[in-house]
Amino acid sequence: MIARRTVALVNKQGLHARPISQLVQLAAAAEADVKVTGPDGTVADGASVFSMMTLAAVVGAELILEADGPDAEVVVQQLEDLISSGFGEP
């Protein structure tokens, strides 16, 4: 099963180490292959910190979340919720 959503970064600092770590933890725990496409078309492995850092996405940037596997819908929803919440940042 494939799930896909587009979500905008709302936290002021965009994707930096802590939010990336949170995203990777969710993606790595899922039974799904997670890919994240950045605003410039770069595709990153959602379960890899180094790969996610290549996105260099700033506040307002849209990310495309895509997962393929048994947990696809669940993990994409979790990732969307995390990003939409601003990663718990003030």
PDB file of N, CA and C in Angstrom:
ATOM      1  N   MET A   1       0.835  -1.178   0.000  1.00  0.00           N
ATOM      2  CA  MET A   1       0.000   0.000   0.000  1.00  0.00           C
ATOM      3  C   MET A   1       0.885   1.249   0.000  1.00  0.00           C
ATOM      4  N   ILE A   2       0.533   2.216  -0.801  1.00  0.00           N
ATOM      5  CA  ILE A   2       1.285   3.467  -0.877  1.00  0.00           C
ATOM      6  C   ILE A   2       0.416   4.600  -0.329  1.00  0.00           C
ATOM      7  N   ALA A   3       1.013   5.425   0.523  1.00  0.00           N
ATOM      8  CA  ALA A   3       0.339   6.610   1.060  1.00  0.00           C
ATOM      9  C   ALA A   3       1.191   7.818   0.719  1.00  0.00           C
ATOM     10  N   ARG A   4       0.526   8.930   0.427  1.00  0.00           N
ATOM     11  CA  ARG A   4       1.258  10.137   0.030  1.00  0.00           C
ATOM     12  C   ARG A   4       0.509  11.383   0.496  1.00  0.00           C
ATOM     13  N   ARG A   5       1.264  12.351   1.031  1.00  0.00           N
ATOM     14  CA  ARG A   5       0.687  13.621   1.451  1.00  0.00           C
ATOM     15  C   ARG A   5       1.705  14.731   1.258  1.00  0.00           C
ATOM     16  N   THR A   6       1.209  15.939   1.089  1.00  0.00           N
ATOM     17  CA  THR A   6       2.070  17.122   1.027  1.00  0.00           C
ATOM     18  C   THR A   6       1.792  17.958   2.267  1.00  0.00           C
ATOM     19  N   VAL A   7       2.848  18.399   2.922  1.00  0.00           N
ATOM     20  CA  VAL A   7       2.710  19.185   4.151  1.00  0.00           C
ATOM     21  C   VAL A   7       3.763  20.293   4.160  1.00  0.00           C
ATOM     22  N   ALA A   8       3.393  21.438   4.700  1.00  0.00           N
ATOM     23  CA  ALA A   8       4.310  22.583   4.777  1.00  0.00           C
ATOM     24  C   ALA A   8       4.974  22.645   6.151  1.00  0.00           C
ATOM     25  N   LEU A   9       6.245  23.007   6.159  1.00  0.00           N
ATOM     26  CA  LEU A   9       6.967  23.199   7.424  1.00  0.00           C
ATOM     27  C   LEU A   9       6.476  24.479   8.092  1.00  0.00           C
ATOM     28  N   VAL A  10       6.097  24.379   9.349  1.00  0.00           N
ATOM     29  CA  VAL A  10       5.596  25.555  10.061  1.00  0.00           C
ATOM     30  C   VAL A  10       6.535  26.028  11.167  1.00  0.00           C
ATOM     31  N   ASN A  11       7.505  25.193  11.538  1.00  0.00           N
ATOM     32  CA  ASN A  11       8.424  25.639  12.584  1.00  0.00           C
ATOM     33  C   ASN A  11       9.413  26.657  12.021  1.00  0.00           C
ATOM     34  N   LYS A  12       9.779  27.616  12.842  1.00  0.00           N
ATOM     35  CA  LYS A  12      10.575  28.759  12.384  1.00  0.00           C
ATOM     36  C   LYS A  12      11.940  28.390  11.814  1.00  0.00           C
ATOM     37  N   GLN A  13      12.542  27.330  12.312  1.00  0.00           N
ATOM     38  CA  GLN A  13      13.896  26.982  11.872  1.00  0.00           C
ATOM     39  C   GLN A  13      13.926  25.933  10.764  1.00  0.00           C
ATOM     40  N   GLY A  14      12.766  25.498  10.301  1.00  0.00           N
ATOM     41  CA  GLY A  14      12.734  24.499   9.234  1.00  0.00           C
ATOM     42  C   GLY A  14      13.332  23.181   9.677  1.00  0.00           C
ATOM     43  N   LEU A  15      13.841  22.423   8.721  1.00  0.00           N
ATOM     44  CA  LEU A  15      14.429  21.126   9.053  1.00  0.00           C
ATOM     45  C   LEU A  15      15.855  21.322   9.546  1.00  0.00           C
ATOM     46  N   HIS A  16      16.050  21.022  10.805  1.00  0.00           N
ATOM     47  CA  HIS A  16      17.388  21.026  11.381  1.00  0.00           C
ATOM     48  C   HIS A  16      17.531  19.720  12.163  1.00  0.00           C
ATOM     49  N   ALA A  17      18.600  19.545  12.885  1.00  0.00           N
ATOM     50  CA  ALA A  17      18.936  18.245  13.479  1.00  0.00           C
ATOM     51  C   ALA A  17      17.823  17.632  14.332  1.00  0.00           C
ATOM     52  N   ARG A  18      17.226  18.393  15.243  1.00  0.00           N
ATOM     53  CA  ARG A  18      16.227  17.802  16.137  1.00  0.00           C
ATOM     54  C   ARG A  18      14.970  17.356  15.402  1.00  0.00           C
ATOM     55  N   PRO A  19      14.362  18.199  14.554  1.00  0.00           N
ATOM     56  CA  PRO A  19      13.200  17.722  13.813  1.00  0.00           C
ATOM     57  C   PRO A  19      13.518  16.536  12.895  1.00  0.00           C
ATOM     58  N   ILE A  20      14.682  16.571  12.278  1.00  0.00           N
ATOM     59  CA  ILE A  20      15.060  15.456  11.411  1.00  0.00           C
ATOM     60  C   ILE A  20      15.152  14.173  12.231  1.00  0.00           C
ATOM     61  N   SER A  21      15.735  14.264  13.418  1.00  0.00           N
ATOM     62  CA  SER A  21      15.841  13.101  14.285  1.00  0.00           C
ATOM     63  C   SER A  21      14.456  12.541  14.628  1.00  0.00           C
ATOM     64  N   GLN A  22      13.502  13.424  14.908  1.00  0.00           N
ATOM     65  CA  GLN A  22      12.138  12.994  15.224  1.00  0.00           C
ATOM     66  C   GLN A  22      11.494  12.301  14.022  1.00  0.00           C
ATOM     67  N   LEU A  23      11.667  12.872  12.848  1.00  0.00           N
ATOM     68  CA  LEU A  23      11.111  12.273  11.630  1.00  0.00           C
ATOM     69  C   LEU A  23      11.716  10.894  11.362  1.00  0.00           C
ATOM     70  N   VAL A  24      13.022  10.803  11.489  1.00  0.00           N
ATOM     71  CA  VAL A  24      13.724   9.555  11.214  1.00  0.00           C
ATOM     72  C   VAL A  24      13.297   8.465  12.192  1.00  0.00           C
ATOM     73  N   GLN A  25      13.101   8.812  13.464  1.00  0.00           N
ATOM     74  CA  GLN A  25      12.657   7.818  14.447  1.00  0.00           C
ATOM     75  C   GLN A  25      11.310   7.221  14.046  1.00  0.00           C
ATOM     76  N   LEU A  26      10.382   8.060  13.638  1.00  0.00           N
ATOM     77  CA  LEU A  26       9.071   7.562  13.204  1.00  0.00           C
ATOM     78  C   LEU A  26       9.198   6.694  11.958  1.00  0.00           C
ATOM     79  N   ALA A  27       9.946   7.186  10.981  1.00  0.00           N
ATOM     80  CA  ALA A  27      10.088   6.461   9.719  1.00  0.00           C
ATOM     81  C   ALA A  27      10.785   5.115   9.915  1.00  0.00           C
ATOM     82  N   ALA A  28      11.820   5.098  10.736  1.00  0.00           N
ATOM     83  CA  ALA A  28      12.590   3.869  10.939  1.00  0.00           C
ATOM     84  C   ALA A  28      11.785   2.814  11.702  1.00  0.00           C
ATOM     85  N   ALA A  29      10.863   3.242  12.534  1.00  0.00           N
ATOM     86  CA  ALA A  29      10.073   2.308  13.331  1.00  0.00           C
ATOM     87  C   ALA A  29       8.929   1.678  12.529  1.00  0.00           C
ATOM     88  N   ALA A  30       8.602   2.241  11.404  1.00  0.00           N
ATOM     89  CA  ALA A  30       7.463   1.772  10.608  1.00  0.00           C
ATOM     90  C   ALA A  30       7.840   0.621   9.692  1.00  0.00           C
ATOM     91  N   GLU A  31       6.859  -0.204   9.417  1.00  0.00           N
ATOM     92  CA  GLU A  31       7.034  -1.248   8.414  1.00  0.00           C
ATOM     93  C   GLU A  31       6.633  -0.672   7.067  1.00  0.00           C
ATOM     94  N   ALA A  32       7.452   0.256   6.608  1.00  0.00           N
ATOM     95  CA  ALA A  32       7.206   0.924   5.327  1.00  0.00           C
ATOM     96  C   ALA A  32       8.492   1.601   4.889  1.00  0.00           C
ATOM     97  N   ASP A  33       8.645   1.736   3.593  1.00  0.00           N
ATOM     98  CA  ASP A  33       9.763   2.464   3.012  1.00  0.00           C
ATOM     99  C   ASP A  33       9.300   3.912   2.878  1.00  0.00           C
ATOM    100  N   VAL A  34       9.928   4.823   3.617  1.00  0.00           N
ATOM    101  CA  VAL A  34       9.498   6.221   3.654  1.00  0.00           C
ATOM    102  C   VAL A  34      10.458   7.087   2.849  1.00  0.00           C
ATOM    103  N   LYS A  35       9.905   7.882   1.961  1.00  0.00           N
ATOM    104  CA  LYS A  35      10.671   8.844   1.174  1.00  0.00           C
ATOM    105  C   LYS A  35      10.072  10.223   1.413  1.00  0.00           C
ATOM    106  N   VAL A  36      10.939  11.232   1.459  1.00  0.00           N
ATOM    107  CA  VAL A  36      10.505  12.617   1.631  1.00  0.00           C
ATOM    108  C   VAL A  36      11.116  13.425   0.498  1.00  0.00           C
ATOM    109  N   THR A  37      10.259  14.117  -0.240  1.00  0.00           N
ATOM    110  CA  THR A  37      10.728  14.945  -1.351  1.00  0.00           C
ATOM    111  C   THR A  37      10.692  16.402  -0.914  1.00  0.00           C
ATOM    112  N   GLY A  38      11.818  17.083  -1.081  1.00  0.00           N
ATOM    113  CA  GLY A  38      11.926  18.481  -0.690  1.00  0.00           C
ATOM    114  C   GLY A  38      11.436  19.409  -1.786  1.00  0.00           C
ATOM    115  N   PRO A  39      11.434  20.711  -1.501  1.00  0.00           N
ATOM    116  CA  PRO A  39      10.907  21.695  -2.437  1.00  0.00           C
ATOM    117  C   PRO A  39      11.665  21.785  -3.760  1.00  0.00           C
ATOM    118  N   ASP A  40      12.929  21.367  -3.760  1.00  0.00           N
ATOM    119  CA  ASP A  40      13.702  21.421  -5.002  1.00  0.00           C
ATOM    120  C   ASP A  40      13.689  20.089  -5.751  1.00  0.00           C
ATOM    121  N   GLY A  41      12.884  19.135  -5.267  1.00  0.00           N
ATOM    122  CA  GLY A  41      12.774  17.841  -5.927  1.00  0.00           C
ATOM    123  C   GLY A  41      13.717  16.782  -5.406  1.00  0.00           C
ATOM    124  N   THR A  42      14.578  17.136  -4.454  1.00  0.00           N
ATOM    125  CA  THR A  42      15.477  16.166  -3.850  1.00  0.00           C
ATOM    126  C   THR A  42      14.656  15.139  -3.082  1.00  0.00           C
ATOM    127  N   VAL A  43      14.961  13.860  -3.291  1.00  0.00           N
ATOM    128  CA  VAL A  43      14.253  12.789  -2.590  1.00  0.00           C
ATOM    129  C   VAL A  43      15.191  12.200  -1.544  1.00  0.00           C
ATOM    130  N   ALA A  44      14.706  12.144  -0.299  1.00  0.00           N
ATOM    131  CA  ALA A  44      15.508  11.632   0.803  1.00  0.00           C
ATOM    132  C   ALA A  44      14.878  10.376   1.387  1.00  0.00           C
ATOM    133  N   ASP A  45      15.728   9.507   1.906  1.00  0.00           N
ATOM    134  CA  ASP A  45      15.285   8.325   2.629  1.00  0.00           C
ATOM    135  C   ASP A  45      14.838   8.797   4.012  1.00  0.00           C
ATOM    136  N   GLY A  46      13.563   8.604   4.327  1.00  0.00           N
ATOM    137  CA  GLY A  46      13.012   9.077   5.594  1.00  0.00           C
ATOM    138  C   GLY A  46      13.607   8.424   6.821  1.00  0.00           C
ATOM    139  N   ALA A  47      14.305   7.309   6.663  1.00  0.00           N
ATOM    140  CA  ALA A  47      14.895   6.608   7.795  1.00  0.00           C
ATOM    141  C   ALA A  47      16.385   6.920   7.957  1.00  0.00           C
ATOM    142  N   SER A  48      16.888   7.907   7.230  1.00  0.00           N
ATOM    143  CA  SER A  48      18.309   8.253   7.283  1.00  0.00           C
ATOM    144  C   SER A  48      18.504   9.732   7.616  1.00  0.00           C
ATOM    145  N   VAL A  49      19.166   9.993   8.731  1.00  0.00           N
ATOM    146  CA  VAL A  49      19.438  11.378   9.132  1.00  0.00           C
ATOM    147  C   VAL A  49      20.236  12.093   8.048  1.00  0.00           C
ATOM    148  N   PHE A  50      21.284  11.450   7.554  1.00  0.00           N
ATOM    149  CA  PHE A  50      22.142  12.094   6.554  1.00  0.00           C
ATOM    150  C   PHE A  50      21.368  12.398   5.269  1.00  0.00           C
ATOM    151  N   SER A  51      20.544  11.479   4.850  1.00  0.00           N
ATOM    152  CA  SER A  51      19.739  11.690   3.651  1.00  0.00           C
ATOM    153  C   SER A  51      18.748  12.837   3.856  1.00  0.00           C
ATOM    154  N   MET A  52      18.104  12.877   5.013  1.00  0.00           N
ATOM    155  CA  MET A  52      17.117  13.930   5.302  1.00  0.00           C
ATOM    156  C   MET A  52      17.774  15.314   5.356  1.00  0.00           C
ATOM    157  N   MET A  53      19.009  15.377   5.795  1.00  0.00           N
ATOM    158  CA  MET A  53      19.695  16.668   5.885  1.00  0.00           C
ATOM    159  C   MET A  53      19.906  17.285   4.508  1.00  0.00           C
ATOM    160  N   THR A  54      19.911  16.486   3.459  1.00  0.00           N
ATOM    161  CA  THR A  54      20.111  17.015   2.109  1.00  0.00           C
ATOM    162  C   THR A  54      18.925  17.863   1.646  1.00  0.00           C
ATOM    163  N   LEU A  55      17.797  17.744   2.327  1.00  0.00           N
ATOM    164  CA  LEU A  55      16.611  18.509   1.921  1.00  0.00           C
ATOM    165  C   LEU A  55      16.765  19.995   2.205  1.00  0.00           C
ATOM    166  N   ALA A  56      17.467  20.335   3.287  1.00  0.00           N
ATOM    167  CA  ALA A  56      17.712  21.738   3.643  1.00  0.00           C
ATOM    168  C   ALA A  56      16.459  22.594   3.495  1.00  0.00           C
ATOM    169  N   ALA A  57      15.351  22.125   4.026  1.00  0.00           N
ATOM    170  CA  ALA A  57      14.070  22.819   3.881  1.00  0.00           C
ATOM    171  C   ALA A  57      13.884  23.870   4.972  1.00  0.00           C
ATOM    172  N   VAL A  58      13.354  25.009   4.584  1.00  0.00           N
ATOM    173  CA  VAL A  58      13.131  26.128   5.498  1.00  0.00           C
ATOM    174  C   VAL A  58      11.632  26.272   5.776  1.00  0.00           C
ATOM    175  N   VAL A  59      11.315  27.149   6.731  1.00  0.00           N
ATOM    176  CA  VAL A  59       9.913  27.379   7.079  1.00  0.00           C
ATOM    177  C   VAL A  59       9.107  27.742   5.824  1.00  0.00           C
ATOM    178  N   GLY A  60       7.935  27.145   5.709  1.00  0.00           N
ATOM    179  CA  GLY A  60       7.063  27.389   4.563  1.00  0.00           C
ATOM    180  C   GLY A  60       7.282  26.416   3.416  1.00  0.00           C
ATOM    181  N   ALA A  61       8.394  25.702   3.428  1.00  0.00           N
ATOM    182  CA  ALA A  61       8.673  24.741   2.354  1.00  0.00           C
ATOM    183  C   ALA A  61       7.683  23.586   2.419  1.00  0.00           C
ATOM    184  N   GLU A  62       7.277  23.116   1.249  1.00  0.00           N
ATOM    185  CA  GLU A  62       6.388  21.964   1.195  1.00  0.00           C
ATOM    186  C   GLU A  62       7.195  20.690   0.989  1.00  0.00           C
ATOM    187  N   LEU A  63       6.862  19.688   1.789  1.00  0.00           N
ATOM    188  CA  LEU A  63       7.490  18.379   1.685  1.00  0.00           C
ATOM    189  C   LEU A  63       6.448  17.374   1.221  1.00  0.00           C
ATOM    190  N   ILE A  64       6.851  16.469   0.374  1.00  0.00           N
ATOM    191  CA  ILE A  64       5.967  15.385  -0.043  1.00  0.00           C
ATOM    192  C   ILE A  64       6.396  14.145   0.722  1.00  0.00           C
ATOM    193  N   LEU A  65       5.478  13.605   1.507  1.00  0.00           N
ATOM    194  CA  LEU A  65       5.723  12.404   2.289  1.00  0.00           C
ATOM    195  C   LEU A  65       5.145  11.223   1.531  1.00  0.00           C
ATOM    196  N   GLU A  66       5.932  10.176   1.362  1.00  0.00           N
ATOM    197  CA  GLU A  66       5.441   8.997   0.660  1.00  0.00           C
ATOM    198  C   GLU A  66       5.972   7.753   1.348  1.00  0.00           C
ATOM    199  N   ALA A  67       5.081   6.795   1.572  1.00  0.00           N
ATOM    200  CA  ALA A  67       5.477   5.547   2.204  1.00  0.00           C
ATOM    201  C   ALA A  67       4.846   4.386   1.450  1.00  0.00           C
ATOM    202  N   ASP A  68       5.575   3.292   1.421  1.00  0.00           N
ATOM    203  CA  ASP A  68       5.109   2.082   0.749  1.00  0.00           C
ATOM    204  C   ASP A  68       5.342   0.906   1.692  1.00  0.00           C
ATOM    205  N   GLY A  69       4.270   0.241   2.089  1.00  0.00           N
ATOM    206  CA  GLY A  69       4.382  -0.906   2.978  1.00  0.00           C
ATOM    207  C   GLY A  69       3.158  -1.025   3.856  1.00  0.00           C
ATOM    208  N   PRO A  70       3.134  -2.036   4.722  1.00  0.00           N
ATOM    209  CA  PRO A  70       1.973  -2.281   5.564  1.00  0.00           C
ATOM    210  C   PRO A  70       1.588  -1.099   6.461  1.00  0.00           C
ATOM    211  N   ASP A  71       2.567  -0.344   6.947  1.00  0.00           N
ATOM    212  CA  ASP A  71       2.308   0.789   7.846  1.00  0.00           C
ATOM    213  C   ASP A  71       2.243   2.125   7.108  1.00  0.00           C
ATOM    214  N   ALA A  72       2.154   2.105   5.793  1.00  0.00           N
ATOM    215  CA  ALA A  72       2.270   3.334   4.998  1.00  0.00           C
ATOM    216  C   ALA A  72       1.323   4.438   5.453  1.00  0.00           C
ATOM    217  N   GLU A  73       0.052   4.147   5.552  1.00  0.00           N
ATOM    218  CA  GLU A  73      -0.923   5.184   5.908  1.00  0.00           C
ATOM    219  C   GLU A  73      -0.679   5.720   7.315  1.00  0.00           C
ATOM    220  N   VAL A  74      -0.381   4.830   8.232  1.00  0.00           N
ATOM    221  CA  VAL A  74      -0.151   5.234   9.623  1.00  0.00           C
ATOM    222  C   VAL A  74       1.079   6.123   9.739  1.00  0.00           C
ATOM    223  N   VAL A  75       2.194   5.714   9.133  1.00  0.00           N
ATOM    224  CA  VAL A  75       3.425   6.487   9.269  1.00  0.00           C
ATOM    225  C   VAL A  75       3.311   7.840   8.568  1.00  0.00           C
ATOM    226  N   VAL A  76       2.660   7.899   7.431  1.00  0.00           N
ATOM    227  CA  VAL A  76       2.495   9.184   6.745  1.00  0.00           C
ATOM    228  C   VAL A  76       1.634  10.119   7.600  1.00  0.00           C
ATOM    229  N   GLN A  77       0.601   9.587   8.232  1.00  0.00           N
ATOM    230  CA  GLN A  77      -0.230  10.417   9.116  1.00  0.00           C
ATOM    231  C   GLN A  77       0.574  10.909  10.319  1.00  0.00           C
ATOM    232  N   GLN A  78       1.382  10.034  10.905  1.00  0.00           N
ATOM    233  CA  GLN A  78       2.217  10.427  12.044  1.00  0.00           C
ATOM    234  C   GLN A  78       3.211  11.510  11.649  1.00  0.00           C
ATOM    235  N   LEU A  79       3.837  11.353  10.500  1.00  0.00           N
ATOM    236  CA  LEU A  79       4.800  12.347  10.021  1.00  0.00           C
ATOM    237  C   LEU A  79       4.114  13.677   9.738  1.00  0.00           C
ATOM    238  N   GLU A  80       2.936  13.615   9.104  1.00  0.00           N
ATOM    239  CA  GLU A  80       2.192  14.838   8.823  1.00  0.00           C
ATOM    240  C   GLU A  80       1.821  15.548  10.129  1.00  0.00           C
ATOM    241  N   ASP A  81       1.358  14.808  11.112  1.00  0.00           N
ATOM    242  CA  ASP A  81       0.990  15.396  12.404  1.00  0.00           C
ATOM    243  C   ASP A  81       2.194  16.049  13.078  1.00  0.00           C
ATOM    244  N   LEU A  82       3.333  15.363  13.037  1.00  0.00           N
ATOM    245  CA  LEU A  82       4.554  15.893  13.655  1.00  0.00           C
ATOM    246  C   LEU A  82       4.978  17.189  12.981  1.00  0.00           C
ATOM    247  N   ILE A  83       5.002  17.200  11.663  1.00  0.00           N
ATOM    248  CA  ILE A  83       5.417  18.392  10.924  1.00  0.00           C
ATOM    249  C   ILE A  83       4.419  19.531  11.123  1.00  0.00           C
ATOM    250  N   SER A  84       3.137  19.232  11.076  1.00  0.00           N
ATOM    251  CA  SER A  84       2.099  20.256  11.238  1.00  0.00           C
ATOM    252  C   SER A  84       2.103  20.854  12.638  1.00  0.00           C
ATOM    253  N   SER A  85       2.586  20.084  13.614  1.00  0.00           N
ATOM    254  CA  SER A  85       2.644  20.576  14.996  1.00  0.00           C
ATOM    255  C   SER A  85       3.870  21.456  15.230  1.00  0.00           C
ATOM    256  N   GLY A  86       4.735  21.565  14.229  1.00  0.00           N
ATOM    257  CA  GLY A  86       5.957  22.364  14.392  1.00  0.00           C
ATOM    258  C   GLY A  86       7.012  21.636  15.206  1.00  0.00           C
ATOM    259  N   PHE A  87       6.900  20.311  15.293  1.00  0.00           N
ATOM    260  CA  PHE A  87       7.859  19.489  16.016  1.00  0.00           C
ATOM    261  C   PHE A  87       7.923  19.836  17.491  1.00  0.00           C
ATOM    262  N   GLY A  88       6.856  20.428  18.018  1.00  0.00           N
ATOM    263  CA  GLY A  88       6.838  20.797  19.430  1.00  0.00           C
ATOM    264  C   GLY A  88       7.678  22.015  19.760  1.00  0.00           C
ATOM    265  N   GLU A  89       8.132  22.733  18.737  1.00  0.00           N
ATOM    266  CA  GLU A  89       8.936  23.937  18.972  1.00  0.00           C
ATOM    267  C   GLU A  89       8.007  25.118  19.235  1.00  0.00           C
ATOM    268  N   PRO A  90       8.472  26.064  20.041  1.00  0.00           N
ATOM    269  CA  PRO A  90       7.612  27.243  20.319  1.00  0.00           C
ATOM    270  C   PRO A  90       7.386  28.125  19.100  1.00  0.00           C
TER     271      PRO A  90
END
